[in-house]
Amino acid sequence: MASLIEELRRREAAARQEADELRGEIARLTERLARAEERLSRLEITRETVAEIVGGAGTDEATAGREADPAAADPVPSGSPVGVVTVPPWRPGLAQSVLPPSYRDLLEVLADTGRPLRAAGIAAATGLSTDRSRIEGLRSKLKRLAGRGWLAEDGPGLFTVPRRSAQDVPYPPA
C-alpha cells in the first residue's frame, strides 16, 4: 500500500510542477500580448493621425471648385495615399459609398441578417476566413465602424446596423 501512496505523491508532484510551468508560460504570454496590443494601439492611432493630416492638407484648394455644387462634394478626401483606409464618421445623409468595399460588405451582411452578430458569424456570412487572426482583424474593422457611428454594438462583441430614421438615410441606399 505504501508504494501506491508514494506513486500518487510522485504523480501529484509532477502534475503540480507542470501546472506551475504552464502558469509561468501563461504569464509570459499575457505580458507579450499586452505589449503587442499596446504596439497595435499606437500604430492605429498613428495611422489615423497621418490620415487626418494627409486628408486635411490642402482641403481648401481641393474643395474650392466643389463648393458651388453640394452634390459633387466628396466627404472623403480623394488624395488619400495608398494603404490608408479612411472611414469617416457617420452623419445624416452620408452614403455607404464613401466606405471602402470591404467595409460596405460588412454593413450589407449585417443589414441582411437583421440581428446582431459576432465577428466570427460575420466572417462566415461574408465568406472570409474564420481563423482566429483573421477574426481579430475583422473585429478591429467592426469596432472602427461602431466607433464612427456606422454600426452599433448591442453588447460586448455583438454588432448590428443601428436603427435610423428615414430622413437620415440617403436615397437610394448605397
N, C-alpha and C. Protein backbone atom coordinates (compact mmCIF):
# COMPACT_ATOMS: atom_id res chain seq x y z
N MET A 1 0.82 -1.18 0.00
CA MET A 1 0.00 0.00 0.00
C MET A 1 0.87 1.26 0.00
N ALA A 2 2.03 1.20 0.65
CA ALA A 2 2.92 2.34 0.72
C ALA A 2 3.42 2.73 -0.66
N SER A 3 3.67 1.77 -1.51
CA SER A 3 4.17 2.09 -2.84
C SER A 3 3.09 2.80 -3.67
N LEU A 4 1.84 2.47 -3.46
CA LEU A 4 0.76 3.14 -4.16
C LEU A 4 0.66 4.61 -3.73
N ILE A 5 0.76 4.85 -2.43
CA ILE A 5 0.73 6.22 -1.91
C ILE A 5 1.91 7.01 -2.44
N GLU A 6 3.09 6.41 -2.45
CA GLU A 6 4.28 7.09 -2.97
C GLU A 6 4.13 7.40 -4.46
N GLU A 7 3.56 6.48 -5.22
CA GLU A 7 3.34 6.71 -6.65
C GLU A 7 2.36 7.87 -6.85
N LEU A 8 1.30 7.93 -6.07
CA LEU A 8 0.35 9.03 -6.17
C LEU A 8 1.01 10.36 -5.81
N ARG A 9 1.87 10.36 -4.79
CA ARG A 9 2.60 11.59 -4.42
C ARG A 9 3.54 12.02 -5.54
N ARG A 10 4.19 11.05 -6.16
CA ARG A 10 5.10 11.37 -7.26
C ARG A 10 4.32 11.99 -8.43
N ARG A 11 3.18 11.39 -8.75
CA ARG A 11 2.36 11.91 -9.84
C ARG A 11 1.79 13.30 -9.49
N GLU A 12 1.40 13.46 -8.25
CA GLU A 12 0.88 14.75 -7.79
C GLU A 12 1.96 15.83 -7.92
N ALA A 13 3.18 15.50 -7.53
CA ALA A 13 4.29 16.46 -7.63
C ALA A 13 4.56 16.80 -9.10
N ALA A 14 4.52 15.79 -9.98
CA ALA A 14 4.74 16.04 -11.40
C ALA A 14 3.64 16.93 -11.98
N ALA A 15 2.39 16.68 -11.60
CA ALA A 15 1.27 17.49 -12.07
C ALA A 15 1.39 18.91 -11.54
N ARG A 16 1.79 19.07 -10.29
CA ARG A 16 1.96 20.39 -9.69
C ARG A 16 3.06 21.16 -10.44
N GLN A 17 4.15 20.47 -10.74
CA GLN A 17 5.25 21.11 -11.46
C GLN A 17 4.79 21.55 -12.86
N GLU A 18 4.05 20.68 -13.55
CA GLU A 18 3.55 21.02 -14.88
C GLU A 18 2.60 22.22 -14.80
N ALA A 19 1.73 22.24 -13.81
CA ALA A 19 0.80 23.37 -13.64
C ALA A 19 1.57 24.66 -13.38
N ASP A 20 2.62 24.60 -12.55
CA ASP A 20 3.43 25.79 -12.28
C ASP A 20 4.11 26.28 -13.55
N GLU A 21 4.64 25.35 -14.34
CA GLU A 21 5.29 25.73 -15.60
C GLU A 21 4.29 26.38 -16.55
N LEU A 22 3.08 25.82 -16.63
CA LEU A 22 2.06 26.38 -17.50
C LEU A 22 1.62 27.76 -17.03
N ARG A 23 1.51 27.95 -15.71
CA ARG A 23 1.17 29.28 -15.18
C ARG A 23 2.25 30.30 -15.57
N GLY A 24 3.51 29.89 -15.48
CA GLY A 24 4.60 30.78 -15.88
C GLY A 24 4.54 31.11 -17.35
N GLU A 25 4.23 30.12 -18.17
CA GLU A 25 4.12 30.34 -19.61
C GLU A 25 2.94 31.28 -19.92
N ILE A 26 1.83 31.08 -19.23
CA ILE A 26 0.67 31.96 -19.42
C ILE A 26 1.03 33.39 -19.03
N ALA A 27 1.76 33.56 -17.95
CA ALA A 27 2.16 34.90 -17.53
C ALA A 27 3.05 35.56 -18.59
N ARG A 28 3.99 34.79 -19.14
CA ARG A 28 4.86 35.33 -20.20
C ARG A 28 4.05 35.69 -21.43
N LEU A 29 3.11 34.82 -21.82
CA LEU A 29 2.29 35.09 -23.00
C LEU A 29 1.37 36.28 -22.77
N THR A 30 0.84 36.41 -21.56
CA THR A 30 -0.01 37.55 -21.24
C THR A 30 0.77 38.85 -21.35
N GLU A 31 1.99 38.82 -20.90
CA GLU A 31 2.85 40.01 -20.99
C GLU A 31 3.15 40.34 -22.46
N ARG A 32 3.46 39.32 -23.26
CA ARG A 32 3.71 39.54 -24.70
C ARG A 32 2.47 40.09 -25.38
N LEU A 33 1.30 39.54 -25.03
CA LEU A 33 0.05 40.01 -25.62
C LEU A 33 -0.19 41.48 -25.28
N ALA A 34 0.04 41.84 -24.05
CA ALA A 34 -0.16 43.24 -23.63
C ALA A 34 0.77 44.17 -24.42
N ARG A 35 2.02 43.76 -24.61
CA ARG A 35 2.96 44.59 -25.40
C ARG A 35 2.51 44.69 -26.84
N ALA A 36 2.06 43.57 -27.43
CA ALA A 36 1.61 43.58 -28.82
C ALA A 36 0.36 44.44 -28.99
N GLU A 37 -0.58 44.36 -28.04
CA GLU A 37 -1.79 45.18 -28.12
C GLU A 37 -1.47 46.66 -27.97
N GLU A 38 -0.52 46.98 -27.11
CA GLU A 38 -0.10 48.38 -26.95
C GLU A 38 0.53 48.90 -28.24
N ARG A 39 1.39 48.09 -28.84
CA ARG A 39 2.03 48.47 -30.10
C ARG A 39 0.96 48.67 -31.18
N LEU A 40 0.00 47.74 -31.26
CA LEU A 40 -1.08 47.84 -32.23
C LEU A 40 -1.88 49.12 -32.03
N SER A 41 -2.21 49.42 -30.78
CA SER A 41 -2.96 50.63 -30.48
C SER A 41 -2.21 51.88 -30.93
N ARG A 42 -0.92 51.93 -30.64
CA ARG A 42 -0.11 53.09 -31.05
C ARG A 42 -0.08 53.22 -32.56
N LEU A 43 0.07 52.09 -33.26
CA LEU A 43 0.12 52.11 -34.72
C LEU A 43 -1.21 52.56 -35.32
N GLU A 44 -2.32 52.10 -34.75
CA GLU A 44 -3.64 52.54 -35.24
C GLU A 44 -3.82 54.03 -35.05
N ILE A 45 -3.44 54.53 -33.89
CA ILE A 45 -3.56 55.96 -33.62
C ILE A 45 -2.68 56.75 -34.58
N THR A 46 -1.46 56.28 -34.80
CA THR A 46 -0.55 56.96 -35.72
C THR A 46 -1.12 56.98 -37.13
N ARG A 47 -1.64 55.83 -37.59
CA ARG A 47 -2.20 55.75 -38.93
C ARG A 47 -3.38 56.70 -39.07
N GLU A 48 -4.26 56.73 -38.08
CA GLU A 48 -5.41 57.62 -38.13
C GLU A 48 -4.99 59.08 -38.12
N THR A 49 -3.98 59.41 -37.33
CA THR A 49 -3.49 60.78 -37.28
C THR A 49 -2.89 61.18 -38.62
N VAL A 50 -2.10 60.29 -39.21
CA VAL A 50 -1.50 60.58 -40.52
C VAL A 50 -2.60 60.75 -41.56
N ALA A 51 -3.62 59.89 -41.51
CA ALA A 51 -4.72 60.01 -42.46
C ALA A 51 -5.43 61.35 -42.31
N GLU A 52 -5.62 61.80 -41.07
CA GLU A 52 -6.24 63.10 -40.85
C GLU A 52 -5.37 64.22 -41.41
N ILE A 53 -4.07 64.13 -41.15
CA ILE A 53 -3.17 65.19 -41.61
C ILE A 53 -3.09 65.20 -43.12
N VAL A 54 -2.89 64.03 -43.72
CA VAL A 54 -2.78 63.95 -45.18
C VAL A 54 -4.11 64.29 -45.82
N GLY A 55 -5.20 63.81 -45.24
CA GLY A 55 -6.52 64.10 -45.79
C GLY A 55 -6.92 65.55 -45.61
N GLY A 56 -6.45 66.18 -44.56
CA GLY A 56 -6.82 67.57 -44.28
C GLY A 56 -5.93 68.56 -44.98
N ALA A 57 -4.73 68.14 -45.42
CA ALA A 57 -3.80 69.06 -46.06
C ALA A 57 -4.35 69.51 -47.40
N GLY A 58 -4.41 70.80 -47.60
CA GLY A 58 -4.85 71.35 -48.88
C GLY A 58 -6.33 71.20 -49.14
N THR A 59 -7.12 71.02 -48.12
CA THR A 59 -8.55 70.83 -48.35
C THR A 59 -9.21 72.09 -48.91
N ASP A 60 -8.68 73.27 -48.57
CA ASP A 60 -9.25 74.49 -49.11
C ASP A 60 -9.12 74.51 -50.63
N GLU A 61 -7.96 74.11 -51.14
CA GLU A 61 -7.74 74.09 -52.58
C GLU A 61 -8.56 72.97 -53.22
N ALA A 62 -8.62 71.82 -52.55
CA ALA A 62 -9.31 70.67 -53.14
C ALA A 62 -10.81 70.89 -53.20
N THR A 63 -11.38 71.63 -52.27
CA THR A 63 -12.83 71.81 -52.24
C THR A 63 -13.28 73.12 -52.86
N ALA A 64 -12.35 73.98 -53.26
CA ALA A 64 -12.72 75.30 -53.77
C ALA A 64 -13.65 75.19 -54.98
N GLY A 65 -13.39 74.28 -55.89
CA GLY A 65 -14.21 74.15 -57.08
C GLY A 65 -15.49 73.39 -56.85
N ARG A 66 -15.65 72.73 -55.72
CA ARG A 66 -16.81 71.87 -55.50
C ARG A 66 -17.86 72.52 -54.60
N GLU A 67 -17.55 73.64 -54.00
CA GLU A 67 -18.48 74.24 -53.05
C GLU A 67 -19.77 74.71 -53.71
N ALA A 68 -19.71 75.08 -54.98
CA ALA A 68 -20.90 75.55 -55.67
C ALA A 68 -21.89 74.42 -55.89
N ASP A 69 -21.40 73.19 -56.03
CA ASP A 69 -22.26 72.05 -56.29
C ASP A 69 -22.16 71.07 -55.13
N PRO A 70 -23.10 71.12 -54.15
CA PRO A 70 -23.01 70.25 -52.98
C PRO A 70 -23.08 68.78 -53.35
N ALA A 71 -23.73 68.42 -54.45
CA ALA A 71 -23.80 67.01 -54.86
C ALA A 71 -22.44 66.49 -55.25
N ALA A 72 -21.56 67.37 -55.68
CA ALA A 72 -20.23 66.94 -56.10
C ALA A 72 -19.26 66.85 -54.94
N ALA A 73 -19.67 67.29 -53.76
CA ALA A 73 -18.78 67.28 -52.61
C ALA A 73 -18.45 65.85 -52.21
N ASP A 74 -17.19 65.60 -51.99
CA ASP A 74 -16.72 64.27 -51.60
C ASP A 74 -16.37 64.31 -50.12
N PRO A 75 -17.12 63.61 -49.26
CA PRO A 75 -16.85 63.67 -47.82
C PRO A 75 -15.54 63.00 -47.44
N VAL A 76 -14.98 62.19 -48.32
CA VAL A 76 -13.71 61.54 -48.05
C VAL A 76 -12.68 62.17 -48.96
N PRO A 77 -11.56 62.65 -48.44
CA PRO A 77 -10.55 63.26 -49.28
C PRO A 77 -10.11 62.30 -50.37
N SER A 78 -10.06 62.80 -51.61
CA SER A 78 -9.67 61.94 -52.72
C SER A 78 -8.16 61.77 -52.81
N GLY A 79 -7.41 62.56 -52.09
CA GLY A 79 -5.97 62.48 -52.15
C GLY A 79 -5.37 61.53 -51.13
N SER A 80 -6.16 60.59 -50.62
CA SER A 80 -5.64 59.66 -49.62
C SER A 80 -4.55 58.79 -50.23
N PRO A 81 -3.46 58.59 -49.52
CA PRO A 81 -2.39 57.76 -50.05
C PRO A 81 -2.80 56.29 -50.06
N VAL A 82 -2.12 55.53 -50.90
CA VAL A 82 -2.38 54.10 -50.99
C VAL A 82 -2.10 53.46 -49.64
N GLY A 83 -2.97 52.55 -49.22
CA GLY A 83 -2.77 51.84 -47.97
C GLY A 83 -3.46 52.46 -46.78
N VAL A 84 -3.97 53.67 -46.92
CA VAL A 84 -4.66 54.31 -45.82
C VAL A 84 -6.16 54.17 -46.07
N VAL A 85 -6.84 53.49 -45.17
CA VAL A 85 -8.28 53.32 -45.29
C VAL A 85 -8.95 54.38 -44.44
N THR A 86 -9.75 55.19 -45.08
CA THR A 86 -10.41 56.26 -44.36
C THR A 86 -11.86 55.88 -44.14
N VAL A 87 -12.26 55.82 -42.88
CA VAL A 87 -13.65 55.56 -42.52
C VAL A 87 -14.14 56.82 -41.82
N PRO A 88 -14.90 57.64 -42.56
CA PRO A 88 -15.37 58.89 -41.94
C PRO A 88 -16.44 58.62 -40.91
N PRO A 89 -16.60 59.51 -39.96
CA PRO A 89 -17.70 59.36 -39.00
C PRO A 89 -19.04 59.45 -39.74
N TRP A 90 -19.99 58.63 -39.32
CA TRP A 90 -21.31 58.67 -39.96
C TRP A 90 -22.02 59.95 -39.57
N ARG A 91 -22.77 60.47 -40.52
CA ARG A 91 -23.64 61.61 -40.26
C ARG A 91 -24.84 61.49 -41.18
N PRO A 92 -25.95 62.12 -40.83
CA PRO A 92 -27.15 62.00 -41.66
C PRO A 92 -26.87 62.41 -43.10
N GLY A 93 -27.35 61.60 -44.03
CA GLY A 93 -27.18 61.88 -45.45
C GLY A 93 -25.92 61.32 -46.05
N LEU A 94 -25.01 60.80 -45.25
CA LEU A 94 -23.75 60.25 -45.77
C LEU A 94 -24.00 58.83 -46.27
N ALA A 95 -23.71 58.59 -47.52
CA ALA A 95 -23.96 57.28 -48.14
C ALA A 95 -22.85 56.30 -47.82
N GLN A 96 -23.19 55.03 -47.83
CA GLN A 96 -22.21 53.96 -47.59
C GLN A 96 -21.14 53.93 -48.67
N SER A 97 -21.41 54.54 -49.80
CA SER A 97 -20.46 54.51 -50.91
C SER A 97 -19.14 55.20 -50.56
N VAL A 98 -19.10 55.99 -49.48
CA VAL A 98 -17.85 56.64 -49.08
C VAL A 98 -16.90 55.64 -48.41
N LEU A 99 -17.43 54.49 -48.02
CA LEU A 99 -16.62 53.48 -47.34
C LEU A 99 -15.91 52.59 -48.35
N PRO A 100 -14.76 52.04 -47.97
CA PRO A 100 -14.10 51.06 -48.83
C PRO A 100 -15.01 49.84 -49.01
N PRO A 101 -14.88 49.13 -50.13
CA PRO A 101 -15.76 47.99 -50.42
C PRO A 101 -15.83 46.94 -49.30
N SER A 102 -14.71 46.65 -48.66
CA SER A 102 -14.73 45.63 -47.61
C SER A 102 -15.60 46.06 -46.42
N TYR A 103 -15.63 47.35 -46.12
CA TYR A 103 -16.46 47.86 -45.04
C TYR A 103 -17.93 47.86 -45.46
N ARG A 104 -18.20 48.21 -46.72
CA ARG A 104 -19.58 48.17 -47.21
C ARG A 104 -20.14 46.76 -47.16
N ASP A 105 -19.30 45.77 -47.48
CA ASP A 105 -19.73 44.36 -47.42
C ASP A 105 -20.17 43.99 -46.01
N LEU A 106 -19.42 44.44 -45.01
CA LEU A 106 -19.78 44.13 -43.63
C LEU A 106 -21.12 44.74 -43.26
N LEU A 107 -21.35 45.99 -43.67
CA LEU A 107 -22.63 46.64 -43.39
C LEU A 107 -23.78 45.91 -44.08
N GLU A 108 -23.53 45.47 -45.31
CA GLU A 108 -24.56 44.76 -46.08
C GLU A 108 -24.94 43.44 -45.42
N VAL A 109 -23.93 42.69 -44.96
CA VAL A 109 -24.20 41.41 -44.30
C VAL A 109 -25.04 41.64 -43.05
N LEU A 110 -24.67 42.62 -42.25
CA LEU A 110 -25.42 42.90 -41.03
C LEU A 110 -26.83 43.39 -41.33
N ALA A 111 -26.99 44.19 -42.37
CA ALA A 111 -28.33 44.66 -42.74
C ALA A 111 -29.19 43.49 -43.22
N ASP A 112 -28.59 42.55 -43.96
CA ASP A 112 -29.33 41.39 -44.46
C ASP A 112 -29.79 40.46 -43.35
N THR A 113 -28.95 40.28 -42.33
CA THR A 113 -29.32 39.36 -41.25
C THR A 113 -30.38 39.97 -40.35
N GLY A 114 -30.33 41.27 -40.14
CA GLY A 114 -31.33 41.93 -39.31
C GLY A 114 -31.21 41.64 -37.83
N ARG A 115 -30.12 41.06 -37.41
CA ARG A 115 -29.91 40.78 -35.98
C ARG A 115 -28.43 40.95 -35.66
N PRO A 116 -28.11 41.15 -34.40
CA PRO A 116 -26.70 41.31 -34.02
C PRO A 116 -25.90 40.04 -34.28
N LEU A 117 -24.68 40.21 -34.73
CA LEU A 117 -23.78 39.08 -34.97
C LEU A 117 -22.42 39.36 -34.34
N ARG A 118 -21.73 38.29 -34.03
CA ARG A 118 -20.34 38.39 -33.58
C ARG A 118 -19.43 38.36 -34.80
N ALA A 119 -18.18 38.72 -34.60
CA ALA A 119 -17.22 38.80 -35.71
C ALA A 119 -17.11 37.46 -36.45
N ALA A 120 -17.09 36.36 -35.73
CA ALA A 120 -16.97 35.05 -36.38
C ALA A 120 -18.17 34.77 -37.28
N GLY A 121 -19.37 35.13 -36.84
CA GLY A 121 -20.56 34.94 -37.66
C GLY A 121 -20.54 35.82 -38.90
N ILE A 122 -20.05 37.03 -38.75
CA ILE A 122 -19.95 37.95 -39.88
C ILE A 122 -18.92 37.43 -40.88
N ALA A 123 -17.81 36.91 -40.37
CA ALA A 123 -16.77 36.35 -41.25
C ALA A 123 -17.34 35.19 -42.05
N ALA A 124 -18.06 34.31 -41.39
CA ALA A 124 -18.65 33.16 -42.08
C ALA A 124 -19.66 33.62 -43.12
N ALA A 125 -20.48 34.62 -42.78
CA ALA A 125 -21.51 35.11 -43.70
C ALA A 125 -20.91 35.80 -44.92
N THR A 126 -19.75 36.43 -44.76
CA THR A 126 -19.12 37.12 -45.89
C THR A 126 -18.17 36.23 -46.65
N GLY A 127 -17.98 35.00 -46.17
CA GLY A 127 -17.09 34.06 -46.87
C GLY A 127 -15.63 34.30 -46.54
N LEU A 128 -15.35 35.02 -45.47
CA LEU A 128 -13.98 35.27 -45.05
C LEU A 128 -13.46 34.10 -44.23
N SER A 129 -12.17 34.04 -44.06
CA SER A 129 -11.56 33.01 -43.24
C SER A 129 -12.00 33.16 -41.79
N THR A 130 -12.20 32.04 -41.14
CA THR A 130 -12.59 32.08 -39.73
C THR A 130 -11.42 31.75 -38.82
N ASP A 131 -10.19 31.90 -39.33
CA ASP A 131 -9.00 31.75 -38.49
C ASP A 131 -9.03 32.83 -37.42
N ARG A 132 -8.48 32.50 -36.28
CA ARG A 132 -8.51 33.43 -35.14
C ARG A 132 -7.88 34.78 -35.48
N SER A 133 -6.76 34.77 -36.20
CA SER A 133 -6.09 36.03 -36.53
C SER A 133 -6.94 36.87 -37.48
N ARG A 134 -7.63 36.22 -38.39
CA ARG A 134 -8.49 36.94 -39.33
C ARG A 134 -9.72 37.51 -38.61
N ILE A 135 -10.23 36.75 -37.66
CA ILE A 135 -11.39 37.22 -36.89
C ILE A 135 -11.01 38.48 -36.11
N GLU A 136 -9.79 38.50 -35.54
CA GLU A 136 -9.35 39.68 -34.78
C GLU A 136 -9.23 40.90 -35.69
N GLY A 137 -8.73 40.70 -36.92
CA GLY A 137 -8.66 41.80 -37.87
C GLY A 137 -10.04 42.31 -38.24
N LEU A 138 -10.97 41.38 -38.43
CA LEU A 138 -12.35 41.75 -38.73
C LEU A 138 -12.98 42.48 -37.56
N ARG A 139 -12.72 42.00 -36.34
CA ARG A 139 -13.26 42.66 -35.15
C ARG A 139 -12.76 44.11 -35.07
N SER A 140 -11.52 44.32 -35.46
CA SER A 140 -10.96 45.67 -35.47
C SER A 140 -11.74 46.57 -36.44
N LYS A 141 -12.06 46.04 -37.62
CA LYS A 141 -12.85 46.81 -38.58
C LYS A 141 -14.24 47.12 -38.02
N LEU A 142 -14.85 46.11 -37.40
CA LEU A 142 -16.19 46.29 -36.84
C LEU A 142 -16.17 47.34 -35.73
N LYS A 143 -15.16 47.29 -34.88
CA LYS A 143 -15.02 48.28 -33.80
C LYS A 143 -14.85 49.68 -34.39
N ARG A 144 -14.07 49.77 -35.48
CA ARG A 144 -13.86 51.06 -36.12
C ARG A 144 -15.19 51.59 -36.67
N LEU A 145 -15.95 50.72 -37.32
CA LEU A 145 -17.26 51.14 -37.84
C LEU A 145 -18.20 51.55 -36.71
N ALA A 146 -18.17 50.80 -35.61
CA ALA A 146 -19.03 51.13 -34.47
C ALA A 146 -18.58 52.45 -33.83
N GLY A 147 -17.29 52.64 -33.71
CA GLY A 147 -16.77 53.86 -33.10
C GLY A 147 -17.08 55.11 -33.91
N ARG A 148 -17.29 54.92 -35.21
CA ARG A 148 -17.58 56.07 -36.07
C ARG A 148 -19.05 56.16 -36.44
N GLY A 149 -19.89 55.36 -35.77
CA GLY A 149 -21.33 55.50 -35.92
C GLY A 149 -21.99 54.71 -37.03
N TRP A 150 -21.22 53.94 -37.81
CA TRP A 150 -21.80 53.17 -38.90
C TRP A 150 -22.49 51.91 -38.38
N LEU A 151 -22.02 51.37 -37.26
CA LEU A 151 -22.59 50.19 -36.63
C LEU A 151 -22.90 50.50 -35.18
N ALA A 152 -23.70 49.63 -34.58
CA ALA A 152 -23.95 49.71 -33.14
C ALA A 152 -23.45 48.42 -32.53
N GLU A 153 -22.97 48.51 -31.31
CA GLU A 153 -22.53 47.33 -30.58
C GLU A 153 -23.56 47.09 -29.48
N ASP A 154 -24.46 46.13 -29.74
CA ASP A 154 -25.57 45.86 -28.81
C ASP A 154 -25.09 45.32 -27.47
N GLY A 155 -24.05 44.58 -27.50
CA GLY A 155 -23.43 44.02 -26.30
C GLY A 155 -21.98 43.82 -26.63
N PRO A 156 -21.19 43.36 -25.69
CA PRO A 156 -19.78 43.13 -26.00
C PRO A 156 -19.61 42.16 -27.17
N GLY A 157 -19.10 42.67 -28.28
CA GLY A 157 -18.83 41.83 -29.44
C GLY A 157 -20.03 41.53 -30.31
N LEU A 158 -21.19 42.12 -30.04
CA LEU A 158 -22.39 41.91 -30.85
C LEU A 158 -22.65 43.16 -31.69
N PHE A 159 -22.46 43.04 -33.00
CA PHE A 159 -22.57 44.19 -33.88
C PHE A 159 -23.85 44.12 -34.70
N THR A 160 -24.44 45.29 -34.93
CA THR A 160 -25.66 45.39 -35.73
C THR A 160 -25.71 46.76 -36.40
N VAL A 161 -26.57 46.86 -37.39
CA VAL A 161 -26.77 48.15 -38.05
C VAL A 161 -27.71 48.96 -37.16
N PRO A 162 -27.33 50.20 -36.83
CA PRO A 162 -28.20 51.00 -35.95
C PRO A 162 -29.50 51.38 -36.65
N ARG A 163 -30.55 51.53 -35.86
CA ARG A 163 -31.82 51.97 -36.41
C ARG A 163 -31.74 53.48 -36.64
N ARG A 164 -32.10 53.86 -37.83
CA ARG A 164 -32.05 55.27 -38.19
C ARG A 164 -33.40 55.68 -38.76
N SER A 165 -33.71 56.95 -38.64
CA SER A 165 -34.95 57.44 -39.23
C SER A 165 -34.78 57.55 -40.74
N ALA A 166 -35.87 57.55 -41.47
CA ALA A 166 -35.83 57.59 -42.93
C ALA A 166 -35.13 58.84 -43.44
N GLN A 167 -35.23 59.94 -42.71
CA GLN A 167 -34.59 61.17 -43.17
C GLN A 167 -33.07 61.13 -43.03
N ASP A 168 -32.55 60.23 -42.19
CA ASP A 168 -31.11 60.13 -42.01
C ASP A 168 -30.44 59.31 -43.12
N VAL A 169 -31.20 58.46 -43.80
CA VAL A 169 -30.63 57.54 -44.77
C VAL A 169 -30.79 58.15 -46.16
N PRO A 170 -29.70 58.30 -46.91
CA PRO A 170 -29.80 58.88 -48.25
C PRO A 170 -30.55 57.93 -49.19
N TYR A 171 -31.26 58.50 -50.17
CA TYR A 171 -31.98 57.68 -51.13
C TYR A 171 -31.30 57.81 -52.47
N PRO A 172 -31.06 56.74 -53.19
CA PRO A 172 -31.27 55.36 -52.78
C PRO A 172 -30.12 54.92 -51.88
N PRO A 173 -30.36 53.96 -51.00
CA PRO A 173 -29.27 53.47 -50.13
C PRO A 173 -28.13 52.94 -50.97
N ALA A 174 -26.94 53.28 -50.59
CA ALA A 174 -25.77 52.84 -51.38
C ALA A 174 -25.16 51.62 -50.77
